[in-house]
N, C-alpha and C. Protein backbone atom coordinates (compact mmCIF):
# COMPACT_ATOMS: atom_id res chain seq x y z
N MET A 1 -56.54 -1.06 -25.61
CA MET A 1 -57.05 0.30 -25.95
C MET A 1 -57.15 0.42 -27.51
N ALA A 2 -58.24 0.94 -27.90
CA ALA A 2 -58.44 1.16 -29.35
C ALA A 2 -57.56 2.13 -29.91
N ARG A 3 -57.02 1.91 -31.15
CA ARG A 3 -56.10 2.85 -31.72
C ARG A 3 -56.15 2.57 -33.21
N TYR A 4 -55.70 3.63 -34.06
CA TYR A 4 -55.63 3.50 -35.50
C TYR A 4 -54.49 2.57 -35.89
N THR A 5 -54.61 1.58 -36.74
CA THR A 5 -53.62 0.72 -37.14
C THR A 5 -53.31 0.79 -38.60
N GLY A 6 -53.99 1.67 -39.36
CA GLY A 6 -53.71 1.82 -40.81
C GLY A 6 -52.52 2.57 -41.16
N ALA A 7 -52.35 2.97 -42.40
CA ALA A 7 -51.12 3.59 -42.88
C ALA A 7 -51.33 5.16 -42.52
N ASP A 8 -50.33 5.70 -41.82
CA ASP A 8 -50.35 7.09 -41.43
C ASP A 8 -50.42 8.04 -42.59
N CYS A 9 -49.72 7.69 -43.69
CA CYS A 9 -49.59 8.62 -44.81
C CYS A 9 -51.04 8.75 -45.52
N LYS A 10 -51.88 7.73 -45.38
CA LYS A 10 -53.26 7.88 -45.91
C LYS A 10 -53.99 8.95 -45.21
N ARG A 11 -53.64 9.11 -43.97
CA ARG A 11 -54.43 10.14 -43.17
C ARG A 11 -53.97 11.58 -43.65
N CYS A 12 -52.71 11.67 -44.09
CA CYS A 12 -52.25 13.03 -44.59
C CYS A 12 -52.93 13.32 -46.01
N ARG A 13 -53.00 12.22 -46.75
CA ARG A 13 -53.60 12.39 -48.16
C ARG A 13 -55.04 12.72 -47.98
N ARG A 14 -55.78 12.07 -47.00
CA ARG A 14 -57.12 12.29 -46.82
C ARG A 14 -57.39 13.70 -46.46
N GLU A 15 -56.50 14.43 -45.66
CA GLU A 15 -56.70 15.76 -45.29
C GLU A 15 -56.10 16.77 -46.35
N LYS A 16 -55.39 16.18 -47.32
CA LYS A 16 -54.84 17.00 -48.36
C LYS A 16 -53.70 17.97 -47.90
N MET A 17 -52.99 17.51 -46.78
CA MET A 17 -51.89 18.23 -46.27
C MET A 17 -51.04 17.38 -45.38
N LYS A 18 -49.81 17.71 -45.21
CA LYS A 18 -48.93 16.91 -44.39
C LYS A 18 -49.28 17.16 -42.96
N LEU A 19 -49.49 16.01 -42.20
CA LEU A 19 -49.76 16.12 -40.72
C LEU A 19 -48.47 15.84 -39.93
N PHE A 20 -47.38 15.41 -40.62
CA PHE A 20 -46.08 15.12 -40.09
C PHE A 20 -46.29 14.06 -39.05
N LEU A 21 -46.82 12.95 -39.39
CA LEU A 21 -47.01 11.81 -38.56
C LEU A 21 -45.87 10.80 -38.61
N LYS A 22 -44.92 11.00 -39.57
CA LYS A 22 -43.81 10.00 -39.75
C LYS A 22 -42.45 10.65 -39.50
N GLY A 23 -42.38 11.70 -38.72
CA GLY A 23 -41.11 12.35 -38.46
C GLY A 23 -40.33 12.84 -39.70
N SER A 24 -39.09 12.49 -39.72
CA SER A 24 -38.21 12.99 -40.80
C SER A 24 -38.65 12.47 -42.21
N LYS A 25 -39.37 11.40 -42.34
CA LYS A 25 -39.75 10.85 -43.58
C LYS A 25 -40.71 11.92 -44.29
N CYS A 26 -41.44 12.64 -43.52
CA CYS A 26 -42.35 13.71 -44.06
C CYS A 26 -41.63 14.79 -44.90
N ASP A 27 -40.33 15.05 -44.54
CA ASP A 27 -39.59 16.02 -45.15
C ASP A 27 -38.72 15.58 -46.29
N GLY A 28 -38.72 14.18 -46.49
CA GLY A 28 -37.95 13.64 -47.58
C GLY A 28 -38.61 13.31 -48.84
N PRO A 29 -37.89 12.95 -49.90
CA PRO A 29 -38.57 12.66 -51.18
C PRO A 29 -39.39 11.35 -51.13
N LYS A 30 -39.26 10.49 -50.10
CA LYS A 30 -39.97 9.20 -50.05
C LYS A 30 -41.38 9.40 -49.48
N CYS A 31 -41.68 10.58 -49.06
CA CYS A 31 -43.01 10.87 -48.43
C CYS A 31 -44.11 10.64 -49.52
N PRO A 32 -45.09 9.71 -49.32
CA PRO A 32 -46.12 9.43 -50.30
C PRO A 32 -46.96 10.65 -50.75
N PHE A 33 -47.04 11.59 -49.86
CA PHE A 33 -47.83 12.76 -50.15
C PHE A 33 -47.28 13.55 -51.30
N GLU A 34 -45.89 13.47 -51.47
CA GLU A 34 -45.26 14.20 -52.52
C GLU A 34 -45.64 13.65 -53.87
N SER A 35 -45.77 12.41 -54.03
CA SER A 35 -46.09 11.71 -55.33
C SER A 35 -47.66 11.51 -55.49
N ARG A 36 -48.44 11.48 -54.42
CA ARG A 36 -49.86 11.29 -54.47
C ARG A 36 -50.58 12.25 -53.59
N PRO A 37 -50.52 13.55 -53.93
CA PRO A 37 -51.20 14.57 -52.98
C PRO A 37 -52.66 14.63 -53.13
N PHE A 38 -53.35 13.49 -53.24
CA PHE A 38 -54.84 13.46 -53.32
C PHE A 38 -55.29 12.37 -52.43
N PRO A 39 -56.65 12.49 -52.06
CA PRO A 39 -57.20 11.49 -51.10
C PRO A 39 -57.05 10.08 -51.60
N PRO A 40 -56.86 9.05 -50.72
CA PRO A 40 -56.74 7.63 -51.15
C PRO A 40 -58.07 7.14 -51.63
N GLY A 41 -58.01 5.93 -52.23
CA GLY A 41 -59.23 5.33 -52.69
C GLY A 41 -59.43 5.53 -54.23
N GLN A 42 -60.33 4.76 -54.81
CA GLN A 42 -60.55 4.87 -56.25
C GLN A 42 -61.21 6.11 -56.71
N HIS A 43 -61.80 6.82 -55.72
CA HIS A 43 -62.45 8.07 -56.03
C HIS A 43 -61.62 9.22 -55.56
N GLY A 44 -60.48 8.97 -55.19
CA GLY A 44 -59.60 10.08 -54.53
C GLY A 44 -59.31 11.31 -55.51
N ARG A 45 -59.23 11.07 -56.74
CA ARG A 45 -59.00 12.07 -57.75
C ARG A 45 -60.27 12.84 -58.16
N GLY A 46 -61.43 12.28 -57.80
CA GLY A 46 -62.64 12.88 -58.15
C GLY A 46 -62.96 14.23 -57.44
N ARG A 47 -63.83 15.02 -57.98
CA ARG A 47 -64.18 16.26 -57.42
C ARG A 47 -65.36 16.08 -56.41
N THR A 48 -65.19 16.55 -55.27
CA THR A 48 -66.31 16.46 -54.28
C THR A 48 -66.83 17.88 -53.98
N LYS A 49 -68.18 17.86 -53.72
CA LYS A 49 -68.75 19.17 -53.38
C LYS A 49 -68.41 19.59 -51.96
N GLU A 50 -67.74 20.63 -51.75
CA GLU A 50 -67.28 21.07 -50.39
C GLU A 50 -68.40 21.86 -49.68
N THR A 51 -69.21 21.10 -49.06
CA THR A 51 -70.35 21.74 -48.26
C THR A 51 -69.74 22.18 -46.99
N GLU A 52 -70.56 23.05 -46.35
CA GLU A 52 -70.21 23.61 -44.97
C GLU A 52 -69.83 22.47 -44.00
N TYR A 53 -70.65 21.49 -44.00
CA TYR A 53 -70.49 20.40 -43.04
C TYR A 53 -69.18 19.65 -43.40
N LEU A 54 -68.97 19.40 -44.64
CA LEU A 54 -67.74 18.69 -45.04
C LEU A 54 -66.52 19.44 -44.55
N LEU A 55 -66.40 20.77 -44.75
CA LEU A 55 -65.28 21.58 -44.26
C LEU A 55 -65.07 21.51 -42.81
N GLN A 56 -66.20 21.48 -42.06
CA GLN A 56 -66.11 21.36 -40.66
C GLN A 56 -65.64 20.09 -40.18
N HIS A 57 -66.19 19.08 -40.79
CA HIS A 57 -65.85 17.64 -40.46
C HIS A 57 -64.42 17.37 -40.72
N ARG A 58 -63.93 17.80 -41.85
CA ARG A 58 -62.54 17.55 -42.25
C ARG A 58 -61.53 18.28 -41.37
N GLU A 59 -61.95 19.54 -40.86
CA GLU A 59 -61.09 20.23 -39.91
C GLU A 59 -61.02 19.49 -38.54
N LYS A 60 -62.19 18.99 -38.13
CA LYS A 60 -62.19 18.19 -36.94
C LYS A 60 -61.33 16.96 -37.02
N GLN A 61 -61.34 16.28 -38.16
CA GLN A 61 -60.58 15.00 -38.42
C GLN A 61 -59.08 15.46 -38.48
N LYS A 62 -58.84 16.51 -39.06
CA LYS A 62 -57.43 17.04 -39.15
C LYS A 62 -56.78 17.25 -37.81
N ALA A 63 -57.51 17.95 -36.88
CA ALA A 63 -57.09 18.14 -35.56
C ALA A 63 -56.99 16.91 -34.74
N ARG A 64 -57.94 16.03 -34.87
CA ARG A 64 -57.97 14.76 -34.11
C ARG A 64 -56.82 13.88 -34.55
N ARG A 65 -56.55 13.83 -35.87
CA ARG A 65 -55.49 12.95 -36.35
C ARG A 65 -54.12 13.57 -36.05
N THR A 66 -53.99 14.85 -36.03
CA THR A 66 -52.70 15.55 -35.77
C THR A 66 -52.30 15.19 -34.36
N TYR A 67 -53.23 15.12 -33.42
CA TYR A 67 -52.86 14.83 -31.98
C TYR A 67 -52.99 13.42 -31.61
N GLY A 68 -53.47 12.54 -32.56
CA GLY A 68 -53.50 11.18 -32.32
C GLY A 68 -54.68 10.80 -31.27
N VAL A 69 -55.81 11.52 -31.38
CA VAL A 69 -56.87 11.21 -30.38
C VAL A 69 -58.01 10.59 -31.02
N LEU A 70 -58.68 9.63 -30.36
CA LEU A 70 -59.81 8.95 -30.84
C LEU A 70 -61.06 9.86 -30.73
N GLU A 71 -62.09 9.47 -31.52
CA GLU A 71 -63.34 10.33 -31.59
C GLU A 71 -63.94 10.59 -30.25
N LYS A 72 -64.12 9.62 -29.39
CA LYS A 72 -64.78 9.79 -28.14
C LYS A 72 -63.98 10.64 -27.25
N GLN A 73 -62.67 10.44 -27.26
CA GLN A 73 -61.78 11.34 -26.49
C GLN A 73 -61.82 12.75 -26.86
N PHE A 74 -61.70 13.00 -28.19
CA PHE A 74 -61.80 14.29 -28.69
C PHE A 74 -63.06 15.02 -28.35
N ARG A 75 -64.19 14.35 -28.46
CA ARG A 75 -65.49 14.98 -28.08
C ARG A 75 -65.46 15.32 -26.59
N GLY A 76 -64.81 14.47 -25.70
CA GLY A 76 -64.72 14.80 -24.38
C GLY A 76 -63.95 16.04 -24.09
N TYR A 77 -62.88 16.23 -24.83
CA TYR A 77 -61.98 17.41 -24.65
C TYR A 77 -62.78 18.68 -25.04
N TYR A 78 -63.61 18.53 -26.03
CA TYR A 78 -64.48 19.68 -26.52
C TYR A 78 -65.45 20.03 -25.42
N GLU A 79 -66.06 19.03 -24.85
CA GLU A 79 -67.01 19.29 -23.77
C GLU A 79 -66.37 19.92 -22.52
N GLU A 80 -65.18 19.50 -22.23
CA GLU A 80 -64.41 20.18 -21.17
C GLU A 80 -64.05 21.57 -21.48
N ALA A 81 -63.68 21.86 -22.74
CA ALA A 81 -63.29 23.21 -23.23
C ALA A 81 -64.44 24.13 -23.06
N VAL A 82 -65.75 23.62 -23.25
CA VAL A 82 -66.86 24.53 -23.27
C VAL A 82 -67.12 25.03 -21.91
N THR A 83 -66.72 24.26 -20.91
CA THR A 83 -67.00 24.68 -19.47
C THR A 83 -65.97 25.63 -18.92
N LYS A 84 -64.89 25.87 -19.68
CA LYS A 84 -63.78 26.66 -19.18
C LYS A 84 -63.85 28.11 -19.75
N PRO A 85 -63.32 29.12 -19.04
CA PRO A 85 -63.32 30.55 -19.63
C PRO A 85 -62.41 30.71 -20.83
N GLY A 86 -62.76 31.57 -21.70
CA GLY A 86 -62.00 31.74 -22.92
C GLY A 86 -62.69 31.26 -24.15
N LYS A 87 -62.03 31.41 -25.29
CA LYS A 87 -62.64 30.93 -26.59
C LYS A 87 -62.50 29.42 -26.56
N THR A 88 -63.66 28.84 -26.90
CA THR A 88 -63.74 27.25 -26.75
C THR A 88 -62.72 26.61 -27.67
N GLY A 89 -62.59 27.03 -28.97
CA GLY A 89 -61.58 26.44 -29.77
C GLY A 89 -60.24 26.51 -29.27
N GLU A 90 -59.82 27.66 -28.85
CA GLU A 90 -58.36 27.90 -28.34
C GLU A 90 -58.21 27.05 -27.09
N VAL A 91 -59.22 26.96 -26.21
CA VAL A 91 -59.02 26.19 -24.94
C VAL A 91 -58.96 24.71 -25.32
N LEU A 92 -59.65 24.25 -26.35
CA LEU A 92 -59.63 22.85 -26.78
C LEU A 92 -58.21 22.56 -27.24
N LEU A 93 -57.56 23.40 -28.07
CA LEU A 93 -56.22 23.12 -28.54
C LEU A 93 -55.20 23.18 -27.41
N GLN A 94 -55.40 24.01 -26.42
CA GLN A 94 -54.57 24.15 -25.22
C GLN A 94 -54.61 22.86 -24.41
N ILE A 95 -55.83 22.30 -24.35
CA ILE A 95 -55.98 21.02 -23.60
C ILE A 95 -55.13 19.87 -24.28
N LEU A 96 -55.26 19.95 -25.59
CA LEU A 96 -54.57 18.87 -26.40
C LEU A 96 -53.05 19.02 -26.24
N GLU A 97 -52.62 20.33 -26.22
CA GLU A 97 -51.14 20.60 -26.05
C GLU A 97 -50.65 20.22 -24.76
N SER A 98 -51.54 20.09 -23.76
CA SER A 98 -51.13 19.80 -22.33
C SER A 98 -51.05 18.27 -22.06
N ARG A 99 -51.46 17.43 -23.06
CA ARG A 99 -51.34 16.01 -22.91
C ARG A 99 -49.90 15.62 -22.74
N LEU A 100 -49.62 14.60 -21.93
CA LEU A 100 -48.29 14.10 -21.73
C LEU A 100 -47.55 13.70 -23.03
N ASP A 101 -48.27 12.91 -23.84
CA ASP A 101 -47.61 12.48 -25.07
C ASP A 101 -47.23 13.62 -26.03
N ASN A 102 -48.07 14.68 -26.03
CA ASN A 102 -47.77 15.83 -26.83
C ASN A 102 -46.65 16.62 -26.27
N VAL A 103 -46.54 16.85 -24.95
CA VAL A 103 -45.37 17.57 -24.37
C VAL A 103 -44.11 16.80 -24.59
N VAL A 104 -44.11 15.47 -24.47
CA VAL A 104 -42.89 14.69 -24.78
C VAL A 104 -42.38 14.93 -26.22
N TYR A 105 -43.42 14.98 -27.08
CA TYR A 105 -43.04 15.34 -28.53
C TYR A 105 -42.56 16.66 -28.71
N ARG A 106 -43.19 17.71 -28.02
CA ARG A 106 -42.71 19.08 -28.12
C ARG A 106 -41.34 19.31 -27.50
N MET A 107 -40.97 18.52 -26.56
CA MET A 107 -39.69 18.57 -25.90
C MET A 107 -38.59 17.82 -26.71
N GLY A 108 -39.05 17.19 -27.80
CA GLY A 108 -38.08 16.54 -28.70
C GLY A 108 -37.58 15.19 -28.21
N LEU A 109 -38.32 14.57 -27.24
CA LEU A 109 -37.93 13.18 -26.81
C LEU A 109 -38.46 12.14 -27.77
N GLY A 110 -39.38 12.56 -28.65
CA GLY A 110 -39.89 11.61 -29.64
C GLY A 110 -40.07 12.37 -30.96
N SER A 111 -39.76 11.69 -32.00
CA SER A 111 -39.71 12.45 -33.36
C SER A 111 -41.11 12.67 -33.88
N THR A 112 -42.12 11.96 -33.33
CA THR A 112 -43.59 12.07 -33.71
C THR A 112 -44.32 11.93 -32.48
N ARG A 113 -45.67 12.31 -32.52
CA ARG A 113 -46.46 12.10 -31.32
C ARG A 113 -46.73 10.65 -31.04
N ALA A 114 -46.79 9.81 -32.19
CA ALA A 114 -47.02 8.38 -31.99
C ALA A 114 -45.79 7.76 -31.25
N GLU A 115 -44.64 8.21 -31.68
CA GLU A 115 -43.36 7.71 -30.95
C GLU A 115 -43.41 8.12 -29.47
N ALA A 116 -43.77 9.40 -29.26
CA ALA A 116 -43.81 9.99 -27.84
C ALA A 116 -44.87 9.12 -27.01
N ARG A 117 -45.99 8.82 -27.66
CA ARG A 117 -47.01 7.97 -26.96
C ARG A 117 -46.50 6.67 -26.62
N GLN A 118 -45.73 6.07 -27.46
CA GLN A 118 -45.13 4.71 -27.32
C GLN A 118 -44.13 4.85 -26.07
N LEU A 119 -43.34 5.86 -26.07
CA LEU A 119 -42.38 6.03 -24.99
C LEU A 119 -43.01 6.10 -23.63
N VAL A 120 -44.08 6.83 -23.65
CA VAL A 120 -44.87 6.93 -22.36
C VAL A 120 -45.48 5.56 -21.92
N SER A 121 -46.09 4.86 -22.94
CA SER A 121 -46.76 3.65 -22.69
C SER A 121 -45.73 2.53 -22.18
N HIS A 122 -44.52 2.63 -22.72
CA HIS A 122 -43.53 1.67 -22.36
C HIS A 122 -42.76 2.06 -21.09
N ARG A 123 -43.17 2.99 -20.39
CA ARG A 123 -42.67 3.37 -19.09
C ARG A 123 -41.26 3.97 -19.21
N SER A 124 -41.06 4.75 -20.25
CA SER A 124 -39.71 5.34 -20.47
C SER A 124 -39.75 6.78 -20.04
N ILE A 125 -40.80 7.31 -19.63
CA ILE A 125 -40.95 8.77 -19.28
C ILE A 125 -41.33 9.01 -17.86
N MET A 126 -40.71 9.91 -17.18
CA MET A 126 -41.11 10.23 -15.82
C MET A 126 -41.60 11.67 -15.73
N VAL A 127 -42.52 11.87 -14.86
CA VAL A 127 -43.05 13.23 -14.56
C VAL A 127 -42.79 13.55 -13.12
N ASN A 128 -42.07 14.56 -12.87
CA ASN A 128 -41.75 14.89 -11.44
C ASN A 128 -41.01 13.80 -10.69
N GLY A 129 -40.17 13.04 -11.46
CA GLY A 129 -39.41 11.96 -10.79
C GLY A 129 -40.07 10.67 -10.68
N LYS A 130 -41.33 10.56 -11.19
CA LYS A 130 -42.09 9.30 -11.02
C LYS A 130 -42.55 8.82 -12.47
N VAL A 131 -42.41 7.53 -12.79
CA VAL A 131 -42.80 7.00 -14.09
C VAL A 131 -44.30 7.11 -14.22
N LEU A 132 -44.63 7.67 -15.38
CA LEU A 132 -46.07 7.85 -15.70
C LEU A 132 -46.32 7.28 -17.07
N ASN A 133 -47.20 6.26 -17.15
CA ASN A 133 -47.36 5.54 -18.49
C ASN A 133 -48.75 5.78 -19.03
N VAL A 134 -49.26 6.98 -18.81
CA VAL A 134 -50.59 7.31 -19.30
C VAL A 134 -50.43 8.45 -20.34
N PRO A 135 -50.47 8.20 -21.57
CA PRO A 135 -50.23 9.28 -22.60
C PRO A 135 -51.18 10.46 -22.53
N SER A 136 -52.41 10.19 -22.11
CA SER A 136 -53.44 11.24 -21.98
C SER A 136 -53.38 12.09 -20.72
N ALA A 137 -52.42 11.76 -19.83
CA ALA A 137 -52.27 12.51 -18.57
C ALA A 137 -52.11 14.03 -18.86
N MET A 138 -52.80 14.81 -18.20
CA MET A 138 -52.67 16.19 -18.32
C MET A 138 -51.60 16.87 -17.41
N LEU A 139 -50.70 17.68 -18.01
CA LEU A 139 -49.69 18.31 -17.24
C LEU A 139 -50.08 19.68 -16.73
N LYS A 140 -49.41 20.07 -15.70
CA LYS A 140 -49.62 21.45 -15.22
C LYS A 140 -48.33 22.23 -15.34
N ALA A 141 -48.45 23.54 -15.26
CA ALA A 141 -47.30 24.43 -15.39
C ALA A 141 -46.34 24.10 -14.20
N GLY A 142 -45.13 23.96 -14.64
CA GLY A 142 -44.04 23.56 -13.66
C GLY A 142 -43.66 22.07 -13.62
N ASP A 143 -44.50 21.17 -14.20
CA ASP A 143 -44.14 19.82 -14.21
C ASP A 143 -42.89 19.52 -14.99
N VAL A 144 -42.10 18.64 -14.44
CA VAL A 144 -40.82 18.34 -14.99
C VAL A 144 -40.92 16.90 -15.69
N VAL A 145 -40.61 16.90 -16.98
CA VAL A 145 -40.68 15.61 -17.74
C VAL A 145 -39.27 15.23 -18.10
N SER A 146 -39.00 13.90 -17.96
CA SER A 146 -37.63 13.45 -18.29
C SER A 146 -37.68 12.03 -18.68
N ALA A 147 -36.65 11.47 -19.39
CA ALA A 147 -36.50 10.12 -19.72
C ALA A 147 -35.93 9.33 -18.53
N THR A 148 -36.35 8.12 -18.37
CA THR A 148 -35.77 7.31 -17.25
C THR A 148 -34.28 7.02 -17.60
N ASP A 149 -33.56 6.70 -16.52
CA ASP A 149 -32.16 6.45 -16.77
C ASP A 149 -31.84 5.42 -17.76
N LYS A 150 -32.67 4.38 -17.79
CA LYS A 150 -32.40 3.32 -18.71
C LYS A 150 -32.77 3.74 -20.23
N SER A 151 -33.61 4.74 -20.32
CA SER A 151 -34.11 5.18 -21.66
C SER A 151 -33.29 6.25 -22.34
N LYS A 152 -32.48 6.97 -21.49
CA LYS A 152 -31.76 8.08 -22.04
C LYS A 152 -30.80 7.78 -23.14
N ALA A 153 -30.34 6.52 -23.14
CA ALA A 153 -29.37 6.13 -24.20
C ALA A 153 -30.06 5.53 -25.42
N GLN A 154 -31.38 5.41 -25.37
CA GLN A 154 -32.09 4.96 -26.57
C GLN A 154 -31.81 5.79 -27.74
N LEU A 155 -31.42 5.17 -28.85
CA LEU A 155 -31.02 5.85 -30.08
C LEU A 155 -32.16 6.77 -30.65
N ARG A 156 -33.47 6.36 -30.51
CA ARG A 156 -34.50 7.12 -31.13
C ARG A 156 -34.65 8.36 -30.24
N ILE A 157 -34.41 8.35 -28.94
CA ILE A 157 -34.53 9.56 -28.17
C ILE A 157 -33.33 10.50 -28.42
N VAL A 158 -32.14 9.90 -28.60
CA VAL A 158 -31.00 10.73 -28.91
C VAL A 158 -31.18 11.43 -30.26
N ASP A 159 -31.56 10.67 -31.24
CA ASP A 159 -31.77 11.24 -32.65
C ASP A 159 -32.85 12.22 -32.67
N ALA A 160 -33.94 12.00 -31.95
CA ALA A 160 -35.07 13.07 -31.88
C ALA A 160 -34.62 14.31 -31.22
N LEU A 161 -33.82 14.21 -30.16
CA LEU A 161 -33.41 15.39 -29.56
C LEU A 161 -32.41 16.20 -30.40
N GLN A 162 -31.55 15.55 -31.04
CA GLN A 162 -30.64 16.21 -31.96
C GLN A 162 -31.32 16.97 -33.00
N LEU A 163 -32.45 16.38 -33.56
CA LEU A 163 -33.25 17.05 -34.61
C LEU A 163 -33.95 18.23 -33.99
N ALA A 164 -34.52 18.02 -32.87
CA ALA A 164 -35.25 19.09 -32.20
C ALA A 164 -34.40 20.31 -31.87
N GLU A 165 -33.14 20.04 -31.48
CA GLU A 165 -32.21 21.12 -31.17
C GLU A 165 -31.92 21.97 -32.35
N LYS A 166 -31.85 21.34 -33.54
CA LYS A 166 -31.57 22.09 -34.75
C LYS A 166 -32.78 22.95 -35.18
N VAL A 167 -33.95 22.42 -34.96
CA VAL A 167 -35.17 23.16 -35.35
C VAL A 167 -35.56 24.24 -34.25
N GLY A 168 -35.32 23.85 -32.97
CA GLY A 168 -35.61 24.79 -31.96
C GLY A 168 -36.81 24.33 -31.14
N PHE A 169 -36.90 24.57 -29.89
CA PHE A 169 -37.92 24.16 -28.94
C PHE A 169 -38.94 25.26 -28.80
N PRO A 170 -40.19 24.92 -28.64
CA PRO A 170 -41.30 25.81 -28.40
C PRO A 170 -40.95 26.59 -27.13
N ARG A 171 -41.54 27.85 -27.10
CA ARG A 171 -41.33 28.69 -25.90
C ARG A 171 -41.99 28.22 -24.61
N TRP A 172 -42.99 27.44 -24.78
CA TRP A 172 -43.71 26.94 -23.54
C TRP A 172 -43.05 25.73 -22.93
N VAL A 173 -41.87 25.22 -23.41
CA VAL A 173 -41.12 24.17 -22.78
C VAL A 173 -39.73 24.54 -22.64
N GLU A 174 -39.12 24.28 -21.52
CA GLU A 174 -37.66 24.52 -21.24
C GLU A 174 -36.99 23.13 -21.28
N VAL A 175 -36.05 22.94 -22.19
CA VAL A 175 -35.40 21.58 -22.26
C VAL A 175 -33.92 21.70 -22.00
N ASP A 176 -33.39 20.72 -21.40
CA ASP A 176 -32.02 20.47 -21.17
C ASP A 176 -31.62 19.18 -21.84
N PRO A 177 -31.15 19.28 -23.13
CA PRO A 177 -30.82 18.03 -23.88
C PRO A 177 -29.83 17.14 -23.30
N LYS A 178 -28.86 17.74 -22.58
CA LYS A 178 -27.82 16.86 -22.00
C LYS A 178 -28.35 15.94 -20.87
N LYS A 179 -29.34 16.54 -20.05
CA LYS A 179 -29.93 15.76 -18.97
C LYS A 179 -31.14 14.98 -19.51
N VAL A 180 -31.50 15.17 -20.74
CA VAL A 180 -32.80 14.57 -21.28
C VAL A 180 -34.01 14.87 -20.44
N THR A 181 -34.15 16.16 -20.11
CA THR A 181 -35.17 16.57 -19.20
C THR A 181 -35.80 17.94 -19.63
N GLY A 182 -36.96 18.24 -19.19
CA GLY A 182 -37.54 19.52 -19.61
C GLY A 182 -38.68 19.87 -18.66
N THR A 183 -39.02 21.15 -18.75
CA THR A 183 -40.11 21.69 -17.81
C THR A 183 -41.22 22.24 -18.72
N PHE A 184 -42.44 21.87 -18.39
CA PHE A 184 -43.65 22.31 -19.05
C PHE A 184 -44.02 23.67 -18.44
N LYS A 185 -43.94 24.82 -19.07
CA LYS A 185 -44.18 26.08 -18.52
C LYS A 185 -45.67 26.29 -18.45
N GLY A 186 -46.49 25.67 -19.23
CA GLY A 186 -47.89 25.88 -19.21
C GLY A 186 -48.47 25.86 -20.62
N ALA A 187 -49.78 25.81 -20.69
CA ALA A 187 -50.48 25.74 -22.12
C ALA A 187 -50.12 26.96 -22.85
N PRO A 188 -49.71 26.79 -24.08
CA PRO A 188 -49.29 27.97 -24.96
C PRO A 188 -50.44 28.84 -25.40
N ASP A 189 -50.05 30.05 -25.74
CA ASP A 189 -51.13 30.96 -26.34
C ASP A 189 -51.39 30.49 -27.76
N ARG A 190 -52.51 30.80 -28.30
CA ARG A 190 -52.99 30.31 -29.59
C ARG A 190 -51.92 30.73 -30.73
N SER A 191 -51.42 31.88 -30.54
CA SER A 191 -50.48 32.38 -31.64
C SER A 191 -49.16 31.65 -31.66
N GLU A 192 -48.88 30.77 -30.73
CA GLU A 192 -47.63 30.12 -30.71
C GLU A 192 -47.53 28.71 -31.26
N PHE A 193 -48.75 28.23 -31.78
CA PHE A 193 -48.74 26.85 -32.41
C PHE A 193 -49.90 26.64 -33.24
N GLY A 194 -49.85 25.56 -34.08
CA GLY A 194 -50.92 24.97 -34.82
C GLY A 194 -51.70 25.92 -35.78
N GLN A 195 -51.01 26.71 -36.54
CA GLN A 195 -51.70 27.66 -37.41
C GLN A 195 -52.41 26.91 -38.55
N ASP A 196 -52.17 25.72 -38.80
CA ASP A 196 -52.76 24.98 -39.86
C ASP A 196 -54.18 24.46 -39.44
N ILE A 197 -54.53 24.55 -38.21
CA ILE A 197 -55.83 24.08 -37.68
C ILE A 197 -56.79 25.28 -37.47
N ASN A 198 -57.94 25.21 -38.06
CA ASN A 198 -58.98 26.24 -37.96
C ASN A 198 -59.99 25.76 -36.92
N GLU A 199 -59.68 26.05 -35.67
CA GLU A 199 -60.51 25.51 -34.54
C GLU A 199 -61.95 26.04 -34.59
N SER A 200 -62.17 27.17 -35.11
CA SER A 200 -63.54 27.74 -35.17
C SER A 200 -64.49 26.79 -36.03
N LEU A 201 -63.97 26.10 -36.98
CA LEU A 201 -64.85 25.12 -37.73
C LEU A 201 -65.16 23.91 -36.89
N VAL A 202 -64.25 23.57 -35.99
CA VAL A 202 -64.53 22.38 -35.10
C VAL A 202 -65.63 22.79 -34.17
N VAL A 203 -65.53 23.98 -33.59
CA VAL A 203 -66.53 24.50 -32.65
C VAL A 203 -67.90 24.55 -33.39
N GLU A 204 -67.89 25.05 -34.56
CA GLU A 204 -69.21 25.20 -35.42
C GLU A 204 -69.85 23.74 -35.57
N LEU A 205 -68.94 22.78 -35.91
CA LEU A 205 -69.53 21.41 -35.98
C LEU A 205 -70.16 20.78 -34.79
N TYR A 206 -69.45 20.93 -33.61
CA TYR A 206 -70.04 20.41 -32.41
C TYR A 206 -71.14 21.27 -31.78
N SER A 207 -71.24 22.52 -32.25
CA SER A 207 -72.33 23.39 -31.75
C SER A 207 -73.70 23.18 -32.36
N LYS A 208 -73.73 22.35 -33.48
CA LYS A 208 -74.95 22.11 -34.18
C LYS A 208 -75.99 21.22 -33.30
């Protein structure tokens, strides 16, 4: 399966904001964005003309990179969102939030979406009591997500859960840290997540 293999921190610098792709490192002094808050490359410090298309493209890239989705996949989610009732941009983000790897991240089983995706791929996650190793699988309201018995003791899961408990869990997931399990209540309202993403620009880009 195709995936990005470059430096995660370069993606944050390209979007000129932290996408929190490296977990706790993003909050520490060693985060490269702190010392180099400008786009990578020899022209990173140069001034670019911010056209309407550029703003729309960068917003799409920001959303795509935040959720760790490839271009073709992201376009597919947009086309699915168009066919559903409601505002297309909000529906698009709700679809992304309903992905299994994102829900695992929101429940605190992984410190980043990339780590959550790896847990799913490595068969460390169960949905409704059965192992599911497809990160892009869509969850429905009431689905129960948990770590397998062998995986519950993994240090990375324990550490991620401890950090998530301190920060607090989103309202659309119900988590039992002791049992390393949680319930997906359903796709969240737009007001409950992702305020850094301007989905209307993404819709404008694809509507051309």
